[in-house]
Amino acid sequence: MGNLILWLLCIWIVPLMYVVLRNDTKFKKNLAVGVTIPYAGRSDPEVVRLLEQFKRRLNWICLALLLLGALLLLVKGSGLFLLLLLTWLDLVIVVPYIPYALCNKALKKLKEQRGWKVSGSQETVVNFAAAQSAPKWLSPVWFAIPLILSLLPAVWDRDFLLLYATDGISIFFCWLGYRYLYRNRAETVDENLKLTQALTRIRRYNWGKCWLLCSWVLVVMSLGIWLTMDYFWLSMALMVVVTAALVGLAIRVEFTVRRLQEQLTRDSGKDFYVDEDDKWIWGIFYYNPHDRNLLINDRVGLNTSFNLAKRSGRVIMALLILILAGMPFMGVWIMREEAAAVELILEDEELVGNHLYSHYEIPLEDIREAELLEELPEISKVSGTSMDNVKKGNFKSRELGRMKVCLDPRESPYLLLTLEDGSLYLLGSSSREETLRSYAAVQESLAG
């Protein structure tokens, strides 16, 4: 079931990539697939052919990726599944941009052949009349309210304090993203000042709306997990639903901006038009040594890019590439976790629970009570690992309360230990005989 949840959290990325990239073939701000085309060139047969060719290639690539993603459901084992899922995710993020880059390159070549390229395009176009008005930022109070609400469950439930704190920190980063990832620059398309002002207002308004909506969705997640903490699968279902809501809201705002950009610039590009294509590699990466700023607003939609002409921009890009390349190795780590057996060992008057690099050492003299359980109690993870072959870390039970766990859930019995300080340990080896021997040793220690 865990594999299915991860699959559901990732599979939607393919249709999302498809819809976003296909939408780039519609002219917005005189742009299609990252290339500026004048109004007269939009109906050029070669332009139309190249855009249709890109859409066909995108169709086949996304269909292949979707089918490949569906095959992942046949994979058994958490580690192998995660390895293949994250490798597939890397392909989903990268491969659809290959036909995009090819189409961008072909359109730029055609544009030069047709004489549509604006001379002097290496200079940055700035409309000072539209840019001089500073944006009116939302008060931090609008983000402080959801932040406080997301932390409220921690007052009554300290077991999941880390989770609530993570939601609160995420909301704080929503405010940071809203305030500091926006480049205050006019959305200049042509000589029409009113159009520039309208496009700039649309981006500014929806930029704040997107970050604020994300903050409130995180509040729902925090409160929802608090209310469903004792019902694992209900909690997991809630996480999937909230993630879908978060993505859905972000997509809705993005496409609202794109639709308005398309409508407002439908008749643009007949005379003067802004052409900054030379600053965008393949229409994807911004590279402008004449721009001293790190951040740049994407020309279409709502997103932000980094200036790769700056060292900091290249460092950020290198880190992102390393993260993408390193993601599949998480699956390798989980495979090691799956392959390792859970052990219960008696050494130097201590009972030790071992699994890979995790060790739980309990002096026999500290044990007040021991009970052998043939059935595993219903427990939910607070922090640690919860897989088909191993559960370890801090867990919580409605009947027993909070406890430390190190066991193989496939092999009973399980050893429930109560220490002198009242803390609980739930242990169980991958070997039934090893658990029984440990129980006998604990009973002997208690009797003596």
Protein backbone atom coordinates (compact mmCIF):
# COMPACT_ATOMS: atom_id res chain seq x y z
CA MET A 1 0.00 0.00 0.00
CA GLY A 2 2.92 2.34 0.72
CA ASN A 3 4.14 1.90 -2.86
CA LEU A 4 0.69 2.80 -4.18
CA ILE A 5 0.61 6.01 -2.14
CA LEU A 6 4.04 7.06 -3.44
CA TRP A 7 2.91 6.21 -6.98
CA LEU A 8 -0.22 8.35 -6.61
CA LEU A 9 1.89 11.24 -5.31
CA CYS A 10 4.11 11.12 -8.43
CA ILE A 11 2.11 9.86 -11.43
CA TRP A 12 0.23 13.16 -11.92
CA ILE A 13 3.51 14.89 -12.86
CA VAL A 14 3.36 13.42 -16.38
CA PRO A 15 -0.02 14.95 -17.34
CA LEU A 16 1.07 18.18 -15.62
CA MET A 17 4.24 18.38 -17.73
CA TYR A 18 2.19 17.57 -20.82
CA VAL A 19 -0.41 20.27 -20.21
CA VAL A 20 2.15 22.97 -19.32
CA LEU A 21 4.47 22.30 -22.28
CA ARG A 22 1.61 21.91 -24.76
CA ASN A 23 0.19 25.22 -23.51
CA ASP A 24 3.49 26.85 -24.52
CA THR A 25 2.51 26.36 -28.18
CA LYS A 26 -0.25 28.95 -27.72
CA PHE A 27 0.98 32.48 -28.35
CA LYS A 28 1.25 34.55 -25.17
CA LYS A 29 3.19 37.83 -25.07
CA ASN A 30 4.27 37.05 -28.68
CA LEU A 31 5.95 33.85 -27.44
CA ALA A 32 5.53 30.22 -28.49
CA VAL A 33 7.86 27.52 -27.15
CA GLY A 34 10.13 30.27 -25.82
CA VAL A 35 10.57 32.08 -29.15
CA THR A 36 9.30 35.59 -29.93
CA ILE A 37 7.33 35.62 -33.18
CA PRO A 38 5.71 38.78 -34.64
CA TYR A 39 1.97 38.86 -35.20
CA ALA A 40 2.33 38.24 -38.95
CA GLY A 41 4.51 35.18 -38.35
CA ARG A 42 2.02 33.30 -36.18
CA SER A 43 0.22 31.92 -39.22
CA ASP A 44 3.41 31.17 -41.17
CA PRO A 45 3.06 27.57 -42.47
CA GLU A 46 6.54 26.60 -41.24
CA VAL A 47 5.85 28.01 -37.77
CA VAL A 48 2.59 26.06 -37.63
CA ARG A 49 4.35 22.90 -38.85
CA LEU A 50 7.10 23.12 -36.21
CA LEU A 51 4.59 23.68 -33.41
CA GLU A 52 2.47 20.73 -34.57
CA GLN A 53 5.59 18.57 -34.80
CA PHE A 54 6.49 19.47 -31.22
CA LYS A 55 2.98 18.59 -30.01
CA ARG A 56 3.12 15.18 -31.72
CA ARG A 57 6.51 14.39 -30.20
CA LEU A 58 5.29 15.53 -26.80
CA ASN A 59 2.21 13.30 -27.13
CA TRP A 60 4.30 10.17 -27.75
CA ILE A 61 6.89 10.95 -25.08
CA CYS A 62 4.32 11.62 -22.35
CA LEU A 63 2.31 8.55 -23.33
CA ALA A 64 5.46 6.41 -23.11
CA LEU A 65 6.34 7.91 -19.72
CA LEU A 66 2.80 7.31 -18.46
CA LEU A 67 2.87 3.66 -19.56
CA LEU A 68 6.31 3.23 -18.00
CA GLY A 69 4.96 4.73 -14.78
CA ALA A 70 2.02 2.31 -14.82
CA LEU A 71 4.43 -0.65 -15.06
CA LEU A 72 5.98 0.43 -11.76
CA LEU A 73 2.88 -0.90 -10.00
CA LEU A 74 4.11 -4.41 -10.84
CA VAL A 75 7.32 -3.93 -8.84
CA LYS A 76 7.52 -5.67 -5.46
CA GLY A 77 9.61 -4.40 -2.59
CA SER A 78 9.87 -0.84 -1.28
CA GLY A 79 13.55 -0.31 -2.12
CA LEU A 80 13.46 -1.47 -5.73
CA PHE A 81 10.18 0.38 -6.26
CA LEU A 82 11.63 3.63 -4.91
CA LEU A 83 14.80 3.23 -7.00
CA LEU A 84 12.78 2.76 -10.20
CA LEU A 85 10.19 5.40 -9.28
CA LEU A 86 12.79 8.12 -8.67
CA THR A 87 14.72 7.15 -11.82
CA TRP A 88 11.44 7.41 -13.74
CA LEU A 89 10.77 10.77 -12.07
CA ASP A 90 14.12 12.08 -13.34
CA LEU A 91 13.12 11.02 -16.86
CA VAL A 92 9.73 12.74 -16.48
CA ILE A 93 11.41 16.00 -15.45
CA VAL A 94 14.05 15.96 -18.22
CA VAL A 95 12.88 14.03 -21.32
CA PRO A 96 9.80 16.15 -22.31
CA TYR A 97 12.11 19.17 -22.59
CA ILE A 98 14.17 17.51 -25.33
CA PRO A 99 11.54 18.08 -28.09
CA TYR A 100 10.89 21.50 -26.51
CA ALA A 101 14.55 22.48 -26.92
CA LEU A 102 14.64 21.09 -30.49
CA CYS A 103 11.52 23.06 -31.44
CA ASN A 104 12.91 26.21 -29.81
CA LYS A 105 16.14 25.87 -31.79
CA ALA A 106 14.27 25.30 -35.07
CA LEU A 107 11.96 28.28 -34.49
CA LYS A 108 14.92 30.56 -33.72
CA LYS A 109 16.60 29.48 -36.95
CA LEU A 110 13.40 30.09 -38.93
CA LYS A 111 12.94 33.44 -37.23
CA GLU A 112 16.39 34.55 -38.35
CA GLN A 113 15.75 33.33 -41.90
CA ARG A 114 12.47 35.27 -42.06
CA GLY A 115 14.09 38.46 -40.72
CA TRP A 116 11.90 38.56 -37.61
CA LYS A 117 14.79 38.87 -35.16
CA VAL A 118 14.91 42.29 -33.52
CA SER A 119 18.40 43.82 -33.75
CA GLY A 120 20.12 44.74 -30.49
CA SER A 121 18.17 42.12 -28.56
CA GLN A 122 21.06 41.60 -26.16
CA GLU A 123 20.00 44.73 -24.30
CA THR A 124 17.41 44.37 -21.55
CA VAL A 125 14.16 46.19 -22.27
CA VAL A 126 12.80 48.10 -19.29
CA ASN A 127 9.62 50.15 -19.29
CA PHE A 128 10.44 52.72 -16.60
CA ALA A 129 6.95 54.24 -16.66
CA ALA A 130 5.44 50.88 -15.72
CA ALA A 131 8.23 49.71 -13.42
CA GLN A 132 8.51 52.83 -11.29
CA SER A 133 5.55 51.90 -9.06
CA ALA A 134 6.77 49.65 -6.26
CA PRO A 135 4.59 46.59 -5.61
CA LYS A 136 2.26 46.77 -2.63
CA TRP A 137 3.26 43.72 -0.65
CA LEU A 138 0.81 41.78 1.49
CA SER A 139 1.32 42.31 5.20
CA PRO A 140 3.24 39.44 6.90
CA VAL A 141 0.15 39.10 9.13
CA TRP A 142 -1.61 37.28 6.26
CA PHE A 143 1.04 34.55 6.55
CA ALA A 144 1.38 34.74 10.35
CA ILE A 145 -2.27 33.67 10.82
CA PRO A 146 -1.92 30.31 8.98
CA LEU A 147 1.49 29.79 10.60
CA ILE A 148 -0.02 30.06 14.10
CA LEU A 149 -2.96 27.82 13.16
CA SER A 150 -0.62 25.15 11.77
CA LEU A 151 1.23 25.03 15.10
CA LEU A 152 -1.90 24.83 17.29
CA PRO A 153 -2.07 20.99 17.28
CA ALA A 154 1.35 20.94 18.97
CA VAL A 155 -0.31 22.34 22.12
CA TRP A 156 -2.24 19.07 22.59
CA ASP A 157 -0.04 16.61 20.73
CA ARG A 158 3.71 16.70 21.38
CA ASP A 159 4.32 13.33 19.71
CA PHE A 160 4.10 14.82 16.22
CA LEU A 161 5.75 18.10 17.16
CA LEU A 162 8.34 17.73 14.38
CA LEU A 163 5.62 17.36 11.76
CA TYR A 164 3.70 20.43 12.94
CA ALA A 165 6.95 22.40 13.13
CA THR A 166 7.72 21.34 9.54
CA ASP A 167 4.36 22.70 8.38
CA GLY A 168 4.97 25.95 10.26
CA ILE A 169 8.45 26.35 8.77
CA SER A 170 7.02 25.62 5.31
CA ILE A 171 4.50 28.44 5.76
CA PHE A 172 7.33 30.76 6.81
CA PHE A 173 9.14 29.79 3.60
CA CYS A 174 5.94 30.54 1.67
CA TRP A 175 6.21 34.11 2.96
CA LEU A 176 9.92 34.24 2.08
CA GLY A 177 9.15 32.91 -1.41
CA TYR A 178 6.36 35.44 -1.88
CA ARG A 179 8.48 38.35 -0.69
CA TYR A 180 11.92 37.60 -2.09
CA LEU A 181 11.59 35.28 -5.12
CA TYR A 182 9.74 37.91 -7.15
CA ARG A 183 11.62 40.16 -9.60
CA ASN A 184 9.98 43.60 -9.61
CA ARG A 185 10.10 44.19 -13.33
CA ALA A 186 7.45 45.46 -15.73
CA GLU A 187 5.90 42.86 -18.08
CA THR A 188 6.78 44.77 -21.25
CA VAL A 189 5.60 43.17 -24.49
CA ASP A 190 5.35 46.10 -26.90
CA GLU A 191 4.91 49.89 -26.84
CA ASN A 192 1.45 49.66 -25.20
CA LEU A 193 1.94 51.08 -21.68
CA LYS A 194 -1.55 50.12 -20.45
CA LEU A 195 -1.00 46.53 -21.57
CA THR A 196 2.32 46.44 -19.71
CA GLN A 197 0.69 47.75 -16.54
CA ALA A 198 -2.16 45.23 -16.79
CA LEU A 199 0.20 42.27 -17.30
CA THR A 200 2.37 43.43 -14.39
CA ARG A 201 -0.63 43.73 -12.05
CA ILE A 202 -1.85 40.26 -13.06
CA ARG A 203 1.49 38.67 -12.21
CA ARG A 204 1.86 40.53 -8.90
CA TYR A 205 -1.67 39.70 -7.74
CA ASN A 206 -1.53 36.02 -8.63
CA TRP A 207 1.99 35.67 -7.23
CA GLY A 208 0.70 36.61 -3.77
CA LYS A 209 -2.47 34.56 -4.22
CA CYS A 210 -0.51 31.40 -5.03
CA TRP A 211 1.78 31.60 -1.98
CA LEU A 212 -1.10 32.48 0.34
CA LEU A 213 -3.22 29.56 -0.89
CA CYS A 214 -0.28 27.20 -0.35
CA SER A 215 0.00 28.45 3.25
CA TRP A 216 -3.65 27.69 3.99
CA VAL A 217 -3.44 24.24 2.40
CA LEU A 218 -0.55 23.49 4.78
CA VAL A 219 -2.82 24.51 7.68
CA VAL A 220 -5.40 21.98 6.49
CA MET A 221 -2.69 19.31 6.34
CA SER A 222 -1.47 20.08 9.86
CA LEU A 223 -4.96 20.06 11.40
CA GLY A 224 -6.01 17.04 9.35
CA ILE A 225 -3.05 14.93 10.48
CA TRP A 226 -3.76 15.90 14.09
CA LEU A 227 -7.37 14.73 13.77
CA THR A 228 -6.49 11.47 11.98
CA MET A 229 -3.22 10.59 13.74
CA ASP A 230 -4.64 7.37 15.19
CA TYR A 231 -5.89 6.16 11.80
CA PHE A 232 -2.85 5.52 9.60
CA TRP A 233 -4.56 4.91 6.26
CA LEU A 234 -7.00 7.77 6.76
CA SER A 235 -3.99 9.99 7.47
CA MET A 236 -2.24 8.76 4.32
CA ALA A 237 -5.39 9.33 2.25
CA LEU A 238 -5.62 12.84 3.66
CA MET A 239 -2.01 13.49 2.63
CA VAL A 240 -2.76 12.42 -0.95
CA VAL A 241 -5.91 14.58 -1.07
CA VAL A 242 -4.18 17.64 0.39
CA THR A 243 -1.22 17.23 -1.98
CA ALA A 244 -3.65 17.02 -4.89
CA ALA A 245 -5.44 20.14 -3.63
CA LEU A 246 -2.15 22.02 -3.29
CA VAL A 247 -1.03 21.08 -6.79
CA GLY A 248 -4.50 21.77 -8.20
CA LEU A 249 -4.64 25.27 -6.70
CA ALA A 250 -1.13 26.10 -7.94
CA ILE A 251 -1.98 24.85 -11.44
CA ARG A 252 -5.22 26.83 -11.46
CA VAL A 253 -3.41 30.07 -10.58
CA GLU A 254 -0.67 29.37 -13.15
CA PHE A 255 -3.13 28.75 -15.97
CA THR A 256 -5.25 31.74 -14.96
CA VAL A 257 -2.18 33.91 -15.52
CA ARG A 258 -1.37 32.16 -18.81
CA ARG A 259 -4.94 32.55 -20.07
CA LEU A 260 -4.98 36.27 -19.28
CA GLN A 261 -1.57 36.74 -20.90
CA GLU A 262 -2.87 35.00 -24.02
CA GLN A 263 -6.06 37.06 -24.16
CA LEU A 264 -4.45 40.44 -23.50
CA THR A 265 -1.61 39.98 -26.02
CA ARG A 266 -3.66 38.37 -28.77
CA ASP A 267 -3.16 41.38 -31.09
CA SER A 268 0.35 42.31 -29.95
CA GLY A 269 3.50 42.18 -32.09
CA LYS A 270 2.24 44.06 -35.14
CA ASP A 271 4.82 46.86 -34.94
CA PHE A 272 7.40 47.13 -32.13
CA TYR A 273 7.78 44.07 -29.90
CA VAL A 274 10.22 43.01 -27.20
CA ASP A 275 12.62 40.25 -28.24
CA GLU A 276 14.80 38.73 -25.49
CA ASP A 277 15.22 35.27 -27.02
CA ASP A 278 19.03 35.47 -27.06
CA LYS A 279 19.02 35.56 -23.26
CA TRP A 280 17.14 32.24 -22.97
CA ILE A 281 19.02 29.03 -23.79
CA TRP A 282 16.57 26.66 -25.53
CA GLY A 283 13.84 28.92 -24.16
CA ILE A 284 14.39 27.29 -20.74
CA PHE A 285 17.50 28.70 -19.03
CA TYR A 286 18.12 32.42 -18.53
CA TYR A 287 21.68 33.59 -19.26
CA ASN A 288 22.33 37.32 -19.37
CA PRO A 289 25.73 38.68 -18.25
CA HIS A 290 24.34 42.23 -18.62
CA ASP A 291 21.75 41.56 -15.88
CA ARG A 292 23.20 41.91 -12.38
CA ASN A 293 20.15 40.26 -10.78
CA LEU A 294 20.00 36.59 -9.82
CA LEU A 295 16.22 36.24 -10.17
CA ILE A 296 14.19 36.70 -13.33
CA ASN A 297 10.46 36.23 -13.84
CA ASP A 298 9.65 33.60 -16.45
CA ARG A 299 8.34 35.26 -19.59
CA VAL A 300 5.14 33.19 -19.55
CA GLY A 301 3.14 32.13 -16.52
CA LEU A 302 4.04 32.81 -12.92
CA ASN A 303 7.34 31.06 -12.20
CA THR A 304 10.79 32.45 -11.48
CA SER A 305 14.16 31.45 -12.95
CA PHE A 306 17.80 32.02 -12.03
CA ASN A 307 20.34 33.93 -14.08
CA LEU A 308 22.98 31.34 -15.03
CA ALA A 309 25.40 34.12 -15.99
CA LYS A 310 25.88 34.70 -12.26
CA ARG A 311 28.02 32.32 -10.22
CA SER A 312 25.28 31.92 -7.61
CA GLY A 313 22.85 30.93 -10.37
CA ARG A 314 25.24 28.25 -11.63
CA VAL A 315 25.78 26.95 -8.08
CA ILE A 316 22.01 26.65 -7.56
CA MET A 317 21.64 24.84 -10.89
CA ALA A 318 24.50 22.46 -10.02
CA LEU A 319 22.85 21.65 -6.68
CA LEU A 320 19.52 20.96 -8.39
CA ILE A 321 21.24 18.63 -10.87
CA LEU A 322 22.98 16.80 -8.01
CA ILE A 323 19.66 16.40 -6.19
CA LEU A 324 17.99 14.98 -9.31
CA ALA A 325 20.91 12.63 -9.98
CA GLY A 326 21.04 11.53 -6.34
CA MET A 327 17.33 10.86 -5.84
CA PRO A 328 17.40 7.24 -7.11
CA PHE A 329 20.08 6.37 -4.54
CA MET A 330 17.41 6.73 -1.85
CA GLY A 331 16.01 3.51 -3.31
CA VAL A 332 19.42 1.84 -2.96
CA TRP A 333 19.45 2.81 0.73
CA ILE A 334 15.96 1.39 1.26
CA MET A 335 17.03 -1.84 -0.46
CA ARG A 336 19.81 -2.16 2.12
CA GLU A 337 17.24 -1.56 4.88
CA GLU A 338 15.05 -4.32 3.42
CA ALA A 339 17.91 -6.79 3.10
CA ALA A 340 19.13 -6.36 6.68
CA ALA A 341 17.67 -8.60 9.39
CA VAL A 342 16.44 -7.31 12.74
CA GLU A 343 18.46 -8.85 15.56
CA LEU A 344 17.97 -9.23 19.31
CA ILE A 345 21.29 -9.87 21.04
CA LEU A 346 22.25 -10.35 24.69
CA GLU A 347 25.66 -8.90 25.49
CA ASP A 348 27.19 -7.64 28.76
CA GLU A 349 23.90 -7.79 30.69
CA GLU A 350 22.17 -5.74 28.01
CA LEU A 351 19.45 -6.59 25.52
CA VAL A 352 20.36 -4.98 22.20
CA GLY A 353 18.03 -4.50 19.23
CA ASN A 354 19.98 -4.08 15.98
CA HIS A 355 19.01 -3.18 12.46
CA LEU A 356 21.68 -1.94 10.06
CA TYR A 357 23.03 1.21 11.75
CA SER A 358 20.28 1.49 14.38
CA HIS A 359 20.94 0.16 17.88
CA TYR A 360 18.68 0.04 20.94
CA GLU A 361 20.53 -0.91 24.14
CA ILE A 362 18.51 -1.81 27.25
CA PRO A 363 20.29 -2.84 30.49
CA LEU A 364 18.52 -5.89 31.93
CA GLU A 365 18.52 -4.32 35.39
CA ASP A 366 16.41 -1.42 34.06
CA ILE A 367 13.58 -3.71 32.92
CA ARG A 368 10.60 -3.76 35.29
CA GLU A 369 8.21 -5.94 33.29
CA ALA A 370 8.30 -8.09 30.13
CA GLU A 371 5.40 -9.43 28.07
CA LEU A 372 5.43 -11.71 25.04
CA LEU A 373 2.90 -10.71 22.34
CA GLU A 374 1.86 -13.06 19.54
CA GLU A 375 0.11 -10.26 17.66
CA LEU A 376 1.58 -6.88 16.81
CA PRO A 377 -0.36 -4.00 18.40
CA GLU A 378 -1.67 -1.25 16.16
CA ILE A 379 1.11 1.34 16.09
CA SER A 380 1.73 4.50 14.07
CA LYS A 381 5.11 6.03 13.30
CA VAL A 382 6.10 9.31 14.93
CA SER A 383 9.64 9.27 13.54
CA GLY A 384 11.84 6.56 12.10
CA THR A 385 11.22 3.76 9.59
CA SER A 386 8.05 1.83 8.84
CA MET A 387 8.35 -0.79 6.10
CA ASP A 388 7.05 -4.29 5.43
CA ASN A 389 10.16 -5.90 6.93
CA VAL A 390 11.20 -3.45 9.64
CA LYS A 391 9.70 -0.92 11.99
CA LYS A 392 12.10 1.13 14.08
CA GLY A 393 12.17 4.48 15.81
CA ASN A 394 9.54 6.31 17.84
CA PHE A 395 6.00 4.98 17.49
CA LYS A 396 2.64 5.57 19.13
CA SER A 397 -0.19 3.22 20.09
CA ARG A 398 -3.71 4.16 21.17
CA GLU A 399 -3.67 1.40 23.80
CA LEU A 400 -0.08 1.61 25.01
CA GLY A 401 1.04 5.16 24.32
CA ARG A 402 4.44 6.20 23.03
CA MET A 403 7.23 3.63 22.68
CA LYS A 404 10.53 2.88 21.01
CA VAL A 405 10.28 0.12 18.41
CA CYS A 406 12.75 -2.18 16.68
CA LEU A 407 11.14 -5.26 15.13
CA ASP A 408 10.39 -7.32 12.05
CA PRO A 409 6.57 -7.16 11.65
CA ARG A 410 6.57 -10.37 9.58
CA GLU A 411 7.87 -12.57 12.42
CA SER A 412 6.10 -12.97 15.77
CA PRO A 413 6.28 -13.02 18.75
CA TYR A 414 7.16 -9.52 19.95
CA LEU A 415 8.71 -8.49 23.23
CA LEU A 416 7.04 -5.60 25.09
CA LEU A 417 9.31 -4.20 27.79
CA THR A 418 8.41 -1.70 30.50
CA LEU A 419 11.43 0.01 32.09
CA GLU A 420 11.75 1.36 35.62
CA ASP A 421 11.21 4.92 34.36
CA GLY A 422 7.93 3.87 32.69
CA SER A 423 9.21 4.00 29.11
CA LEU A 424 8.19 1.24 26.69
CA TYR A 425 10.16 -0.79 24.16
CA LEU A 426 8.59 -3.09 21.57
CA LEU A 427 11.19 -5.46 20.10
CA GLY A 428 11.14 -8.43 17.78
CA SER A 429 13.81 -10.28 15.83
CA SER A 430 13.61 -11.60 12.27
CA SER A 431 14.24 -14.96 13.98
CA ARG A 432 11.44 -16.30 16.19
CA GLU A 433 13.93 -18.37 18.20
CA GLU A 434 16.05 -15.28 18.89
CA THR A 435 13.05 -13.42 20.30
CA LEU A 436 12.10 -16.37 22.52
CA ARG A 437 15.67 -16.67 23.82
CA SER A 438 15.71 -12.95 24.62
CA TYR A 439 12.40 -13.22 26.45
CA ALA A 440 13.68 -16.15 28.49
CA ALA A 441 16.82 -14.19 29.43
CA VAL A 442 14.76 -11.18 30.51
CA GLN A 443 12.44 -13.40 32.60
CA GLU A 444 15.46 -15.01 34.24
CA SER A 445 16.87 -11.57 35.06
CA LEU A 446 13.54 -10.46 36.56
CA ALA A 447 13.27 -13.65 38.64
CA GLY A 448 16.82 -13.38 39.94
